[in-house]
Amino acid sequence: MKKSVLMCAALAAAMSFGAGVANAGCVTKGAVATSSSADSAKWYAFETMVQSVSWGLWPGFLATGNVEGFKVGMATCHGGATFCKR
C-alpha cells in the first residue's frame, strides 16, 4: 500500500511538472484518488483527468462513462491517461 501511494505521488508530481502535450491532438493527464475500493478509486481518478481535459466533457462522461470525441489510451499506472482527438 505504501509503495502504491508513493508511486501515485510520483506520477502526480511528474504530470504536474509539464508532461503536457504528448503529440499533436493529444494530451496526457494524471490524477490520484482515494476510495473504499480499487475500482471506485480508478473511476474518481479518471473523472478528475476528464475534468482537467475539458469540463465540457464531464456531463457526458457521467452519463455514459465515455469521453465523447476522444480516444483514450490508458496507461493505467495509478491514474494516467492520454486523450487524443478522434
C-alpha atoms as a PDB file:
ATOM      1  CA  MET A   1       0.000   0.000   0.000  1.00  0.00           C
ATOM      2  CA  LYS A   2       2.743   2.455   0.957  1.00  0.00           C
ATOM      3  CA  LYS A   3       4.612   1.714  -2.293  1.00  0.00           C
ATOM      4  CA  SER A   4       1.391   2.323  -4.237  1.00  0.00           C
ATOM      5  CA  VAL A   5       0.821   5.679  -2.528  1.00  0.00           C
ATOM      6  CA  LEU A   6       4.407   6.752  -3.251  1.00  0.00           C
ATOM      7  CA  MET A   7       4.057   5.743  -6.907  1.00  0.00           C
ATOM      8  CA  CYS A   8       0.809   7.738  -7.145  1.00  0.00           C
ATOM      9  CA  ALA A   9       2.511  10.775  -5.635  1.00  0.00           C
ATOM     10  CA  ALA A  10       5.472  10.426  -8.003  1.00  0.00           C
ATOM     11  CA  LEU A  11       3.174  10.121 -11.021  1.00  0.00           C
ATOM     12  CA  ALA A  12       1.123  13.139  -9.968  1.00  0.00           C
ATOM     13  CA  ALA A  13       4.279  15.184  -9.467  1.00  0.00           C
ATOM     14  CA  ALA A  14       5.663  14.174 -12.867  1.00  0.00           C
ATOM     15  CA  MET A  15       2.385  15.010 -14.592  1.00  0.00           C
ATOM     16  CA  SER A  16       2.087  18.401 -12.929  1.00  0.00           C
ATOM     17  CA  PHE A  17       5.618  19.421 -13.891  1.00  0.00           C
ATOM     18  CA  GLY A  18       4.961  19.528 -17.601  1.00  0.00           C
ATOM     19  CA  ALA A  19       4.255  16.115 -19.062  1.00  0.00           C
ATOM     20  CA  GLY A  20       1.634  18.167 -21.002  1.00  0.00           C
ATOM     21  CA  VAL A  21       1.154  17.559 -24.696  1.00  0.00           C
ATOM     22  CA  ALA A  22       2.269  14.151 -25.967  1.00  0.00           C
ATOM     23  CA  ASN A  23       1.865  14.966 -29.665  1.00  0.00           C
ATOM     24  CA  ALA A  24      -0.464  16.904 -31.969  1.00  0.00           C
ATOM     25  CA  GLY A  25      -4.032  16.471 -30.761  1.00  0.00           C
ATOM     26  CA  CYS A  26      -3.068  14.511 -27.637  1.00  0.00           C
ATOM     27  CA  VAL A  27      -2.702  15.479 -24.007  1.00  0.00           C
ATOM     28  CA  THR A  28      -1.552  13.328 -21.094  1.00  0.00           C
ATOM     29  CA  LYS A  29      -3.161  13.750 -17.689  1.00  0.00           C
ATOM     30  CA  GLY A  30      -2.656  12.138 -14.306  1.00  0.00           C
ATOM     31  CA  ALA A  31      -4.633  12.055 -11.083  1.00  0.00           C
ATOM     32  CA  VAL A  32      -4.629  10.406  -7.680  1.00  0.00           C
ATOM     33  CA  ALA A  33      -7.831   9.395  -5.912  1.00  0.00           C
ATOM     34  CA  THR A  34      -8.664   7.511  -2.731  1.00  0.00           C
ATOM     35  CA  SER A  35     -11.837   5.493  -2.221  1.00  0.00           C
ATOM     36  CA  SER A  36     -13.167   2.383  -0.498  1.00  0.00           C
ATOM     37  CA  SER A  37     -12.392   0.110  -3.485  1.00  0.00           C
ATOM     38  CA  ALA A  38      -9.803  -0.040  -6.253  1.00  0.00           C
ATOM     39  CA  ASP A  39     -12.490   0.231  -8.961  1.00  0.00           C
ATOM     40  CA  SER A  40     -14.009   3.286  -7.328  1.00  0.00           C
ATOM     41  CA  ALA A  41     -10.618   4.979  -6.871  1.00  0.00           C
ATOM     42  CA  LYS A  42      -9.812   4.357 -10.553  1.00  0.00           C
ATOM     43  CA  TRP A  43     -13.153   5.888 -11.580  1.00  0.00           C
ATOM     44  CA  TYR A  44     -12.582   9.007  -9.476  1.00  0.00           C
ATOM     45  CA  ALA A  45      -9.036   9.420 -10.796  1.00  0.00           C
ATOM     46  CA  PHE A  46     -10.312   9.097 -14.374  1.00  0.00           C
ATOM     47  CA  GLU A  47     -13.134  11.578 -13.670  1.00  0.00           C
ATOM     48  CA  THR A  48     -10.523  14.087 -12.451  1.00  0.00           C
ATOM     49  CA  MET A  49      -8.480  13.617 -15.624  1.00  0.00           C
ATOM     50  CA  VAL A  50     -11.587  14.097 -17.823  1.00  0.00           C
ATOM     51  CA  GLN A  51     -12.329  17.363 -15.987  1.00  0.00           C
ATOM     52  CA  SER A  52      -8.763  18.553 -16.499  1.00  0.00           C
ATOM     53  CA  VAL A  53      -9.036  17.997 -20.266  1.00  0.00           C
ATOM     54  CA  SER A  54     -12.358  19.887 -20.502  1.00  0.00           C
ATOM     55  CA  TRP A  55     -15.240  20.486 -18.100  1.00  0.00           C
ATOM     56  CA  GLY A  56     -17.489  20.248 -21.156  1.00  0.00           C
ATOM     57  CA  LEU A  57     -16.693  16.514 -21.393  1.00  0.00           C
ATOM     58  CA  TRP A  58     -17.695  15.815 -17.793  1.00  0.00           C
ATOM     59  CA  PRO A  59     -21.524  15.596 -18.093  1.00  0.00           C
ATOM     60  CA  GLY A  60     -21.276  13.100 -20.950  1.00  0.00           C
ATOM     61  CA  PHE A  61     -18.722  11.048 -19.036  1.00  0.00           C
ATOM     62  CA  LEU A  62     -21.055  10.900 -16.025  1.00  0.00           C
ATOM     63  CA  ALA A  63     -23.970   9.855 -18.217  1.00  0.00           C
ATOM     64  CA  THR A  64     -22.255   7.243 -20.385  1.00  0.00           C
ATOM     65  CA  GLY A  65     -18.777   6.541 -18.988  1.00  0.00           C
ATOM     66  CA  ASN A  66     -17.332   7.587 -22.374  1.00  0.00           C
ATOM     67  CA  VAL A  67     -15.274  10.630 -23.343  1.00  0.00           C
ATOM     68  CA  GLU A  68     -17.061  11.853 -26.469  1.00  0.00           C
ATOM     69  CA  GLY A  69     -14.762  12.869 -29.305  1.00  0.00           C
ATOM     70  CA  PHE A  70     -11.621  11.387 -27.741  1.00  0.00           C
ATOM     71  CA  LYS A  71      -9.811   8.100 -27.981  1.00  0.00           C
ATOM     72  CA  VAL A  72      -8.394   7.456 -24.520  1.00  0.00           C
ATOM     73  CA  GLY A  73      -5.166   5.465 -24.329  1.00  0.00           C
ATOM     74  CA  MET A  74      -4.919   4.078 -20.860  1.00  0.00           C
ATOM     75  CA  ALA A  75      -1.623   3.914 -19.097  1.00  0.00           C
ATOM     76  CA  THR A  76      -3.344   2.604 -16.003  1.00  0.00           C
ATOM     77  CA  CYS A  77      -0.340   3.228 -13.848  1.00  0.00           C
ATOM     78  CA  HIS A  78      -2.127   4.861 -10.961  1.00  0.00           C
ATOM     79  CA  GLY A  79      -4.347   7.190 -12.895  1.00  0.00           C
ATOM     80  CA  GLY A  80      -2.538   8.210 -16.058  1.00  0.00           C
ATOM     81  CA  ALA A  81      -4.239   8.535 -19.444  1.00  0.00           C
ATOM     82  CA  THR A  82      -3.540  10.049 -22.849  1.00  0.00           C
ATOM     83  CA  PHE A  83      -6.501  11.803 -24.506  1.00  0.00           C
ATOM     84  CA  CYS A  84      -6.283  12.102 -28.313  1.00  0.00           C
ATOM     85  CA  LYS A  85      -8.809  13.899 -30.550  1.00  0.00           C
ATOM     86  CA  ARG A  86     -10.520  11.460 -32.920  1.00  0.00           C
END
